[in-house]
Amino acid sequence: MSRSEARAPPAMQNVTRLPAANSVPASRQPPPPTAEDEEDANSYDSDDATTLSMLEFSLLYEEEKNELHCNIIKAKGLKPMDSNGLADPYVKLHLLPGASKSNKLRTKTIRTTLNPVWNETLVYHGITNEDMQKKTLRLSVSDEDKFGHNEFIGETRVVLKKLKLNQKKTYNVCLERVIPVRCTAGAGLKDDEEGEERGRILISLTYNSQQSHLIVGVVRCAHLAAMDSNGYSDPFVKIHLKPDMGKKAKYKTQIKKKTLNPEFNEEFSYEVKLAELAKKTLDISVWDYDMGKSNDFIGGCQLGITAKGECLKHWYECLKNKDKKIERWHVLIWFHLPNEVISLPSSNR
């Protein structure tokens, strides 16, 4: 994957972020249902079976860019949801399995119609071939209610492994009235999200054999979990080469304001011999900057010999292919960190 392709800007100006959700361990008391829970689990009338609602959309997976393009075209014959006999529909996308906010995208709302036309493309970045084999795309249509809970109209699901690589496929399907499995939302995104996906990060690794330097590139992030009340975050990335190498072991990127898809394009260098590098671990963590108080941890990953999956493969390829830049996407997950207050230099604020 070329660097220019990996940095392709997200085509999601009209995306509205929805509350994060995840499954809560049985030993914990679930919090009250959220507005989204009420929307998804909303009861429905007995005449639903006679309502024929159609949704037209197309899917394209670009393997080289690791992008899944979802073009929401139009719907037809939606069930009336408002007193005027019409609806205010929008489409929400959700990759399953995975209930975190980083997996959810949505279109704009089309007002007062039962036959909305969106022609809107939403893009999932950092989607690997492995994801395509394991995940299902859920498309649900709902009615937006300014004065109450949004109401569920119908949904359809596409098993992504059936989609041919690099070939667009158009669907025109009936929406089903399915009561989705209810998920509960963690209020602070900190207590109940062990192992939950919180977004993805594109990292480049290069080992310069002439200078004995490891060059780490923080390229971009995609679909980060929102940590602020405005539905966004102010993300920055922190990297740490361990075992500790003193002050030179830690670096931070600049802060990107009010975004869930930041582009950093920053590189950091570690002076370390190749034999020593094989014994080290690179901690990568993404944070939401909060002025005057502790920054919020969004998610992280670890690269190194003790890592697994793509993280191990990326590290091994770097060690094996000296002087060659290797770029890979990595999943950011929630894991517990020691209590830490991070103060950034004034130049980053």
Protein backbone atom coordinates (compact mmCIF):
# COMPACT_ATOMS: atom_id res chain seq x y z
CA MET A 1 0.00 0.00 0.00
CA SER A 2 1.47 3.31 -1.03
CA ARG A 3 1.71 6.11 1.46
CA SER A 4 -0.34 8.52 -0.66
CA GLU A 5 -3.15 6.00 -0.88
CA ALA A 6 -3.04 5.26 2.84
CA ARG A 7 -3.49 8.96 3.56
CA ALA A 8 -6.54 9.35 1.36
CA PRO A 9 -8.88 11.74 3.26
CA PRO A 10 -12.06 10.26 4.74
CA ALA A 11 -15.14 10.86 2.59
CA MET A 12 -17.42 11.41 5.55
CA GLN A 13 -18.26 15.13 5.89
CA ASN A 14 -21.86 14.27 6.70
CA VAL A 15 -21.15 11.59 9.27
CA THR A 16 -22.76 11.98 12.69
CA ARG A 17 -21.18 10.01 15.50
CA LEU A 18 -23.43 7.98 17.77
CA PRO A 19 -22.88 6.87 21.38
CA ALA A 20 -20.41 4.05 21.96
CA ALA A 21 -21.78 0.69 23.01
CA ASN A 22 -20.38 -2.61 24.19
CA SER A 23 -21.38 -5.74 26.01
CA VAL A 24 -21.15 -5.57 29.79
CA PRO A 25 -19.83 -8.52 31.84
CA ALA A 26 -22.57 -10.38 33.66
CA SER A 27 -21.01 -9.57 37.02
CA ARG A 28 -21.67 -5.88 36.53
CA GLN A 29 -24.97 -4.04 36.79
CA PRO A 30 -25.90 -2.61 33.34
CA PRO A 31 -26.46 1.14 33.18
CA PRO A 32 -29.87 2.47 32.08
CA PRO A 33 -30.60 2.08 28.36
CA THR A 34 -29.51 4.95 26.15
CA ALA A 35 -31.50 6.76 23.46
CA GLU A 36 -29.86 4.53 20.89
CA ASP A 37 -30.92 1.40 22.77
CA GLU A 38 -34.49 2.65 22.77
CA GLU A 39 -34.26 3.35 19.04
CA ASP A 40 -32.91 -0.11 18.19
CA ALA A 41 -35.21 -2.07 20.52
CA ASN A 42 -38.31 0.04 19.85
CA SER A 43 -41.51 -2.03 19.71
CA TYR A 44 -43.37 -2.23 16.41
CA ASP A 45 -46.92 -2.63 15.16
CA SER A 46 -48.51 -5.84 13.93
CA ASP A 47 -48.87 -4.46 10.38
CA ASP A 48 -45.09 -4.39 9.83
CA ALA A 49 -45.23 -7.58 7.80
CA THR A 50 -47.36 -5.80 5.16
CA THR A 51 -44.91 -2.88 4.80
CA LEU A 52 -42.45 -3.36 1.94
CA SER A 53 -39.51 -1.03 2.51
CA MET A 54 -36.60 -1.20 0.06
CA LEU A 55 -33.03 0.04 0.49
CA GLU A 56 -30.61 0.49 -2.41
CA PHE A 57 -26.87 0.74 -1.75
CA SER A 58 -23.53 -0.37 -3.15
CA LEU A 59 -20.36 -1.71 -1.53
CA LEU A 60 -16.78 -1.60 -2.78
CA TYR A 61 -13.73 -2.95 -0.94
CA GLU A 62 -10.45 -1.44 -2.19
CA GLU A 63 -7.90 -3.98 -1.04
CA GLU A 64 -4.79 -1.87 -1.68
CA LYS A 65 -6.15 1.07 0.33
CA ASN A 66 -7.79 -1.08 3.03
CA GLU A 67 -11.02 0.85 2.54
CA LEU A 68 -14.65 -0.24 2.48
CA HIS A 69 -16.80 2.24 0.53
CA CYS A 70 -20.51 2.17 1.36
CA ASN A 71 -22.64 4.23 -1.05
CA ILE A 72 -26.13 4.70 0.38
CA ILE A 73 -28.28 5.46 -2.66
CA LYS A 74 -31.97 5.59 -1.72
CA ALA A 75 -34.90 3.93 0.03
CA LYS A 76 -38.44 3.35 -1.17
CA GLY A 77 -41.74 2.72 0.55
CA LEU A 78 -40.63 3.34 4.13
CA LYS A 79 -43.17 2.93 6.88
CA PRO A 80 -44.75 6.25 8.00
CA MET A 81 -43.41 7.14 11.44
CA ASP A 82 -44.72 10.69 12.04
CA SER A 83 -48.22 12.14 12.48
CA ASN A 84 -48.02 13.68 9.00
CA GLY A 85 -47.81 10.21 7.47
CA LEU A 86 -44.14 10.65 6.54
CA ALA A 87 -40.72 10.10 8.16
CA ASP A 88 -37.32 11.77 8.59
CA PRO A 89 -35.08 8.83 7.68
CA TYR A 90 -31.34 8.28 7.95
CA VAL A 91 -29.14 5.18 7.55
CA LYS A 92 -26.74 3.93 10.19
CA LEU A 93 -23.86 1.55 9.42
CA HIS A 94 -22.41 -0.81 12.00
CA LEU A 95 -19.66 -3.41 11.57
CA LEU A 96 -20.34 -6.63 13.47
CA PRO A 97 -18.89 -8.03 15.65
CA GLY A 98 -17.94 -4.86 17.44
CA ALA A 99 -20.16 -2.47 19.33
CA SER A 100 -17.83 0.45 19.78
CA LYS A 101 -18.46 3.91 18.41
CA SER A 102 -15.50 3.50 16.08
CA ASN A 103 -17.58 1.00 14.07
CA LYS A 104 -20.61 3.25 13.54
CA LEU A 105 -21.24 5.69 10.73
CA ARG A 106 -24.44 7.40 9.60
CA THR A 107 -25.82 9.43 6.74
CA LYS A 108 -27.53 12.78 6.83
CA THR A 109 -31.25 12.90 7.55
CA ILE A 110 -33.72 13.43 4.69
CA ARG A 111 -36.81 15.27 5.95
CA THR A 112 -40.50 14.46 5.41
CA THR A 113 -40.35 11.60 2.92
CA LEU A 114 -40.97 7.89 2.58
CA ASN A 115 -38.73 7.68 -0.49
CA PRO A 116 -35.45 9.35 0.55
CA VAL A 117 -32.49 9.79 -1.81
CA TRP A 118 -29.11 10.08 -0.09
CA ASN A 119 -26.42 9.35 -2.72
CA GLU A 120 -23.95 9.54 0.16
CA THR A 121 -20.73 7.54 0.49
CA LEU A 122 -19.40 6.55 3.91
CA VAL A 123 -15.93 5.03 4.17
CA TYR A 124 -14.44 2.60 6.67
CA HIS A 125 -10.64 3.04 6.70
CA GLY A 126 -8.14 0.41 7.85
CA ILE A 127 -10.32 -2.58 6.94
CA THR A 128 -8.11 -5.62 6.36
CA ASN A 129 -8.72 -8.81 4.38
CA GLU A 130 -9.10 -10.56 7.72
CA ASP A 131 -11.89 -8.14 8.65
CA MET A 132 -13.62 -8.87 5.36
CA GLN A 133 -13.61 -12.59 6.19
CA LYS A 134 -14.99 -12.15 9.70
CA LYS A 135 -17.28 -9.12 9.75
CA THR A 136 -20.86 -8.37 8.76
CA LEU A 137 -22.13 -4.92 7.77
CA ARG A 138 -25.44 -3.97 9.35
CA LEU A 139 -27.42 -1.20 7.64
CA SER A 140 -30.36 0.11 9.63
CA VAL A 141 -32.86 2.82 8.69
CA SER A 142 -34.36 4.97 11.43
CA ASP A 143 -36.65 7.96 11.76
CA GLU A 144 -35.07 10.98 13.43
CA ASP A 145 -37.24 12.58 16.10
CA LYS A 146 -36.18 16.03 17.33
CA PHE A 147 -38.37 15.82 20.42
CA GLY A 148 -38.04 12.17 21.42
CA HIS A 149 -36.25 8.92 20.70
CA ASN A 150 -35.36 8.04 17.13
CA GLU A 151 -37.50 5.14 15.87
CA PHE A 152 -36.20 2.01 14.19
CA ILE A 153 -37.73 1.36 10.72
CA GLY A 154 -35.83 -1.66 9.42
CA GLU A 155 -32.46 -3.20 8.68
CA THR A 156 -30.47 -5.49 6.41
CA ARG A 157 -27.11 -7.22 6.84
CA VAL A 158 -24.33 -8.12 4.40
CA VAL A 159 -21.72 -10.81 5.14
CA LEU A 160 -18.58 -9.13 3.83
CA LYS A 161 -16.72 -12.30 2.86
CA LYS A 162 -19.22 -12.68 0.01
CA LEU A 163 -18.06 -9.37 -1.48
CA LYS A 164 -15.48 -9.69 -4.26
CA LEU A 165 -12.34 -7.61 -3.79
CA ASN A 166 -12.09 -4.39 -5.82
CA GLN A 167 -15.50 -4.97 -7.44
CA LYS A 168 -18.48 -2.75 -6.70
CA LYS A 169 -21.71 -4.57 -5.94
CA THR A 170 -25.12 -2.91 -5.87
CA TYR A 171 -27.88 -4.19 -3.58
CA ASN A 172 -31.62 -3.49 -3.67
CA VAL A 173 -33.11 -5.35 -0.72
CA CYS A 174 -36.14 -5.42 1.52
CA LEU A 175 -35.63 -4.05 5.01
CA GLU A 176 -36.43 -6.50 7.79
CA ARG A 177 -38.12 -5.69 11.07
CA VAL A 178 -35.54 -7.25 13.40
CA ILE A 179 -35.22 -6.42 17.08
CA PRO A 180 -31.42 -6.17 17.44
CA VAL A 181 -29.67 -7.58 20.49
CA ARG A 182 -29.56 -4.80 23.02
CA CYS A 183 -26.17 -3.48 24.05
CA THR A 184 -25.49 -1.23 27.00
CA ALA A 185 -23.36 1.85 26.77
CA GLY A 186 -20.52 2.68 29.12
CA ALA A 187 -21.06 6.20 30.37
CA GLY A 188 -17.44 7.15 30.74
CA LEU A 189 -15.98 4.68 28.22
CA LYS A 190 -13.59 3.49 30.90
CA ASP A 191 -15.22 0.87 33.11
CA ASP A 192 -16.67 -1.72 30.74
CA GLU A 193 -14.60 -1.70 27.57
CA GLU A 194 -11.77 -4.16 28.07
CA GLY A 195 -10.76 -5.39 24.62
CA GLU A 196 -13.18 -3.13 22.73
CA GLU A 197 -12.03 -1.66 19.43
CA ARG A 198 -11.60 2.13 19.75
CA GLY A 199 -10.44 2.98 16.23
CA ARG A 200 -7.41 2.22 14.06
CA ILE A 201 -3.97 3.70 13.49
CA LEU A 202 -1.64 3.60 10.49
CA ILE A 203 2.00 3.20 11.55
CA SER A 204 5.16 3.00 9.45
CA LEU A 205 8.39 1.33 10.62
CA THR A 206 11.84 1.69 9.04
CA TYR A 207 15.12 0.43 10.40
CA ASN A 208 17.99 2.55 9.05
CA SER A 209 20.94 0.16 9.10
CA GLN A 210 23.55 2.84 8.29
CA GLN A 211 22.63 5.05 11.25
CA SER A 212 21.30 2.26 13.50
CA HIS A 213 17.99 4.13 13.92
CA LEU A 214 14.43 2.90 14.16
CA ILE A 215 12.17 5.44 12.45
CA VAL A 216 8.54 5.31 13.57
CA GLY A 217 5.97 7.14 11.45
CA VAL A 218 2.59 8.05 12.90
CA VAL A 219 0.60 8.51 9.71
CA ARG A 220 -3.08 8.77 10.62
CA CYS A 221 -5.95 7.38 12.70
CA ALA A 222 -9.45 6.38 11.59
CA HIS A 223 -12.81 6.12 13.36
CA LEU A 224 -11.56 6.98 16.84
CA ALA A 225 -13.93 6.75 19.78
CA ALA A 226 -15.34 10.16 20.72
CA MET A 227 -14.37 11.38 24.17
CA ASP A 228 -15.85 14.89 24.20
CA SER A 229 -19.47 16.03 24.55
CA ASN A 230 -19.40 17.49 21.03
CA GLY A 231 -19.08 13.98 19.57
CA TYR A 232 -15.41 14.39 18.68
CA SER A 233 -11.96 14.14 20.29
CA ASP A 234 -8.78 16.23 20.24
CA PRO A 235 -6.41 13.33 19.58
CA PHE A 236 -2.66 12.99 19.81
CA VAL A 237 -0.44 9.90 19.73
CA LYS A 238 2.18 8.87 22.24
CA ILE A 239 4.88 6.27 21.49
CA HIS A 240 7.22 4.63 23.99
CA LEU A 241 10.05 2.18 23.23
CA LYS A 242 10.55 -0.21 26.15
CA PRO A 243 12.46 -1.37 28.16
CA ASP A 244 13.02 2.24 29.06
CA MET A 245 15.70 4.17 27.21
CA GLY A 246 15.37 7.29 29.34
CA LYS A 247 13.89 10.55 28.08
CA LYS A 248 14.61 9.57 24.48
CA ALA A 249 12.18 6.66 24.73
CA LYS A 250 8.99 8.74 24.63
CA TYR A 251 7.54 10.97 21.92
CA LYS A 252 4.21 12.72 21.29
CA THR A 253 2.62 14.00 18.11
CA GLN A 254 0.89 17.33 17.71
CA ILE A 255 -2.77 17.61 18.76
CA LYS A 256 -5.45 17.53 16.09
CA LYS A 257 -8.56 19.40 17.17
CA LYS A 258 -12.13 18.16 16.92
CA THR A 259 -11.70 15.08 14.73
CA LEU A 260 -12.08 11.31 14.81
CA ASN A 261 -9.97 10.83 11.67
CA PRO A 262 -6.75 12.80 12.32
CA GLU A 263 -3.78 12.90 9.95
CA PHE A 264 -0.42 13.35 11.70
CA ASN A 265 2.30 12.45 9.18
CA GLU A 266 5.02 12.73 11.85
CA GLU A 267 8.18 10.63 12.21
CA PHE A 268 10.28 9.88 15.29
CA SER A 269 13.72 8.30 15.50
CA TYR A 270 15.27 5.95 18.06
CA GLU A 271 19.01 5.21 18.13
CA VAL A 272 19.13 1.48 18.80
CA LYS A 273 21.09 -1.48 17.49
CA LEU A 274 19.17 -4.08 15.52
CA ALA A 275 20.05 -6.88 17.97
CA GLU A 276 18.69 -4.77 20.85
CA LEU A 277 15.59 -3.77 18.91
CA ALA A 278 14.53 -7.41 18.66
CA LYS A 279 14.17 -7.44 22.46
CA LYS A 280 12.16 -4.22 22.73
CA THR A 281 8.47 -3.34 22.60
CA LEU A 282 6.89 -0.25 21.07
CA ASP A 283 3.86 1.01 22.99
CA ILE A 284 1.49 3.12 20.89
CA SER A 285 -1.36 4.96 22.61
CA VAL A 286 -3.89 7.53 21.39
CA TRP A 287 -5.17 10.20 23.76
CA ASP A 288 -7.81 12.92 23.83
CA TYR A 289 -6.30 16.22 24.97
CA ASP A 290 -8.21 18.06 27.70
CA MET A 291 -6.92 21.51 28.67
CA GLY A 292 -6.45 21.94 32.40
CA LYS A 293 -7.18 18.34 33.36
CA SER A 294 -6.06 14.79 32.73
CA ASN A 295 -6.08 13.61 29.14
CA ASP A 296 -8.44 10.74 28.27
CA PHE A 297 -7.02 7.47 27.01
CA ILE A 298 -8.74 6.42 23.76
CA GLY A 299 -6.93 3.19 22.91
CA GLY A 300 -3.60 1.61 22.09
CA CYS A 301 -1.59 -1.30 20.75
CA GLN A 302 1.85 -2.87 21.21
CA LEU A 303 4.38 -3.84 18.54
CA GLY A 304 7.17 -6.27 19.32
CA ILE A 305 8.31 -9.89 19.44
CA THR A 306 5.85 -10.62 22.26
CA ALA A 307 2.92 -9.18 20.29
CA LYS A 308 0.43 -11.20 18.25
CA GLY A 309 -1.22 -11.03 14.84
CA GLU A 310 -0.64 -7.96 12.70
CA CYS A 311 1.40 -6.26 15.45
CA LEU A 312 3.90 -9.14 15.52
CA LYS A 313 3.97 -9.41 11.73
CA HIS A 314 4.67 -5.68 11.33
CA TRP A 315 7.56 -5.79 13.81
CA TYR A 316 9.05 -8.91 12.22
CA GLU A 317 8.88 -7.40 8.74
CA CYS A 318 10.69 -4.29 9.97
CA LEU A 319 13.52 -6.35 11.45
CA LYS A 320 13.74 -8.56 8.38
CA ASN A 321 13.60 -5.80 5.74
CA LYS A 322 16.19 -3.26 6.80
CA ASP A 323 16.04 0.18 5.16
CA LYS A 324 12.54 -0.49 3.84
CA LYS A 325 9.50 1.43 5.07
CA ILE A 326 6.69 -0.91 6.15
CA GLU A 327 3.21 0.56 6.75
CA ARG A 328 0.37 -1.29 8.47
CA TRP A 329 -2.97 -0.51 10.07
CA HIS A 330 -3.45 -1.61 13.68
CA VAL A 331 -6.57 -1.90 15.81
CA LEU A 332 -6.68 0.33 18.89
CA ILE A 333 -8.19 -1.38 21.92
CA TRP A 334 -9.00 -0.38 25.45
CA PHE A 335 -6.69 -1.71 28.12
CA HIS A 336 -5.99 -0.51 31.64
CA LEU A 337 -3.12 1.94 32.10
CA PRO A 338 -1.63 3.24 35.32
CA ASN A 339 -3.08 6.57 36.40
CA GLU A 340 -1.18 9.12 34.41
CA VAL A 341 -1.52 12.86 33.97
CA ILE A 342 0.06 14.06 30.75
CA SER A 343 1.14 17.69 30.40
CA LEU A 344 1.92 18.68 26.85
CA PRO A 345 4.31 21.52 25.97
CA SER A 346 2.63 24.85 25.36
CA SER A 347 3.61 24.63 21.70
CA ASN A 348 1.21 21.71 21.30
CA ARG A 349 -1.79 23.47 22.76
